[in-house]
């Protein structure tokens, strides 16, 4: 059972730091425009990055079907996700 069910972050012109453990895992969906998202790199994460926008999605952790979700929508900001 995860410690959380859902985290939603909408960020404009700022910085946010999230400390989320990999266990038991979560689904990550993050969008950024004119900013950056630093996240745990693993084989379950997909990303598309161009000059001004980035999309990151996938599963963080060893659980391939986690119930927990993390959604991020950032514009002109920086988001750091640590384990």
C-alpha atoms as a PDB file:
ATOM      1  CA  UNK A   1       0.000   0.000   0.000  1.00  0.00           C
ATOM      2  CA  UNK A   2       1.557   3.359  -0.977  1.00  0.00           C
ATOM      3  CA  UNK A   3       2.066   6.182   1.483  1.00  0.00           C
ATOM      4  CA  UNK A   4       0.094   8.412  -0.897  1.00  0.00           C
ATOM      5  CA  UNK A   5      -2.435   8.032  -3.679  1.00  0.00           C
ATOM      6  CA  UNK A   6      -1.844  11.150  -5.759  1.00  0.00           C
ATOM      7  CA  UNK A   7       0.341  14.247  -5.868  1.00  0.00           C
ATOM      8  CA  UNK A   8      -0.557  17.072  -8.260  1.00  0.00           C
ATOM      9  CA  UNK A   9       1.778  20.032  -8.710  1.00  0.00           C
ATOM     10  CA  UNK A  10       1.026  23.088 -10.832  1.00  0.00           C
ATOM     11  CA  UNK A  11       3.981  25.474 -10.775  1.00  0.00           C
ATOM     12  CA  UNK A  12       4.414  28.887 -12.351  1.00  0.00           C
ATOM     13  CA  UNK A  13       7.586  30.985 -12.021  1.00  0.00           C
ATOM     14  CA  UNK A  14       9.070  29.141  -9.065  1.00  0.00           C
ATOM     15  CA  UNK A  15      10.967  26.155  -7.737  1.00  0.00           C
ATOM     16  CA  UNK A  16       9.617  23.034  -6.060  1.00  0.00           C
ATOM     17  CA  UNK A  17      11.392  20.093  -4.457  1.00  0.00           C
ATOM     18  CA  UNK A  18       9.634  16.776  -3.879  1.00  0.00           C
ATOM     19  CA  UNK A  19      11.129  13.933  -1.848  1.00  0.00           C
ATOM     20  CA  UNK A  20       9.242  10.789  -2.865  1.00  0.00           C
ATOM     21  CA  UNK A  21      10.615   7.311  -2.092  1.00  0.00           C
ATOM     22  CA  UNK A  22      10.830   4.848  -5.001  1.00  0.00           C
ATOM     23  CA  UNK A  23       9.220   2.118  -2.942  1.00  0.00           C
ATOM     24  CA  UNK A  24       6.466   1.022  -3.467  1.00  0.00           C
ATOM     25  CA  UNK A  25       6.588   3.002  -6.740  1.00  0.00           C
ATOM     26  CA  UNK A  26       4.477   5.551  -8.588  1.00  0.00           C
ATOM     27  CA  UNK A  27       3.407   6.632 -12.047  1.00  0.00           C
ATOM     28  CA  UNK A  28       5.075   9.903 -13.079  1.00  0.00           C
ATOM     29  CA  UNK A  29       3.614  12.266 -15.671  1.00  0.00           C
ATOM     30  CA  UNK A  30       5.362  15.626 -15.948  1.00  0.00           C
ATOM     31  CA  UNK A  31       5.168  18.495 -18.431  1.00  0.00           C
ATOM     32  CA  UNK A  32       7.452  21.527 -18.418  1.00  0.00           C
ATOM     33  CA  UNK A  33       7.644  24.654 -20.577  1.00  0.00           C
ATOM     34  CA  UNK A  34      10.578  27.063 -20.281  1.00  0.00           C
ATOM     35  CA  UNK A  35      11.871  25.264 -17.190  1.00  0.00           C
ATOM     36  CA  UNK A  36      13.343  21.966 -16.066  1.00  0.00           C
ATOM     37  CA  UNK A  37      12.383  18.797 -14.256  1.00  0.00           C
ATOM     38  CA  UNK A  38      15.028  16.716 -12.493  1.00  0.00           C
ATOM     39  CA  UNK A  39      13.767  13.226 -11.736  1.00  0.00           C
ATOM     40  CA  UNK A  40      14.969   9.715 -10.820  1.00  0.00           C
ATOM     41  CA  UNK A  41      16.464   8.172 -13.953  1.00  0.00           C
ATOM     42  CA  UNK A  42      15.572   4.550 -14.499  1.00  0.00           C
ATOM     43  CA  UNK A  43      14.572   2.271 -17.344  1.00  0.00           C
ATOM     44  CA  UNK A  44      10.836   2.803 -16.776  1.00  0.00           C
ATOM     45  CA  UNK A  45      10.966   6.532 -17.585  1.00  0.00           C
ATOM     46  CA  UNK A  46      10.330   7.977 -21.054  1.00  0.00           C
ATOM     47  CA  UNK A  47      11.083  11.531 -22.062  1.00  0.00           C
ATOM     48  CA  UNK A  48      10.785  13.942 -24.925  1.00  0.00           C
ATOM     49  CA  UNK A  49      12.819  17.130 -24.624  1.00  0.00           C
ATOM     50  CA  UNK A  50      13.097  19.973 -27.088  1.00  0.00           C
ATOM     51  CA  UNK A  51      14.395  23.510 -26.748  1.00  0.00           C
ATOM     52  CA  UNK A  52      11.555  24.919 -24.628  1.00  0.00           C
ATOM     53  CA  UNK A  53       9.380  21.990 -23.529  1.00  0.00           C
ATOM     54  CA  UNK A  54       9.784  18.563 -21.994  1.00  0.00           C
ATOM     55  CA  UNK A  55       7.480  15.637 -21.293  1.00  0.00           C
ATOM     56  CA  UNK A  56       8.404  12.869 -18.873  1.00  0.00           C
ATOM     57  CA  UNK A  57       6.278   9.821 -18.127  1.00  0.00           C
ATOM     58  CA  UNK A  58       6.597   6.301 -16.818  1.00  0.00           C
ATOM     59  CA  UNK A  59       6.902   4.215 -13.680  1.00  0.00           C
ATOM     60  CA  UNK A  60       9.373   5.036 -10.908  1.00  0.00           C
ATOM     61  CA  UNK A  61      10.351   2.112  -8.688  1.00  0.00           C
ATOM     62  CA  UNK A  62      10.241  -1.660  -9.027  1.00  0.00           C
ATOM     63  CA  UNK A  63       6.452  -2.056  -8.911  1.00  0.00           C
ATOM     64  CA  UNK A  64       5.335  -2.272 -12.553  1.00  0.00           C
ATOM     65  CA  UNK A  65       1.707  -1.430 -11.736  1.00  0.00           C
ATOM     66  CA  UNK A  66       1.745   1.141  -8.912  1.00  0.00           C
ATOM     67  CA  UNK A  67      -1.432   2.771  -7.613  1.00  0.00           C
ATOM     68  CA  UNK A  68       0.213   6.085  -6.640  1.00  0.00           C
ATOM     69  CA  UNK A  69       0.426   8.920  -9.198  1.00  0.00           C
ATOM     70  CA  UNK A  70       2.541  12.074  -9.460  1.00  0.00           C
ATOM     71  CA  UNK A  71       1.401  14.722 -11.976  1.00  0.00           C
ATOM     72  CA  UNK A  72       3.428  17.871 -12.647  1.00  0.00           C
ATOM     73  CA  UNK A  73       2.581  20.877 -14.818  1.00  0.00           C
ATOM     74  CA  UNK A  74       5.353  23.487 -14.725  1.00  0.00           C
ATOM     75  CA  UNK A  75       5.888  26.706 -16.650  1.00  0.00           C
ATOM     76  CA  UNK A  76       8.951  28.909 -16.126  1.00  0.00           C
ATOM     77  CA  UNK A  77       9.962  26.852 -13.097  1.00  0.00           C
ATOM     78  CA  UNK A  78      12.252  24.124 -11.818  1.00  0.00           C
ATOM     79  CA  UNK A  79      11.048  20.902 -10.213  1.00  0.00           C
ATOM     80  CA  UNK A  80      13.398  18.521  -8.385  1.00  0.00           C
ATOM     81  CA  UNK A  81      12.181  15.014  -7.534  1.00  0.00           C
ATOM     82  CA  UNK A  82      14.435  13.061  -5.174  1.00  0.00           C
ATOM     83  CA  UNK A  83      14.157   9.613  -3.609  1.00  0.00           C
END
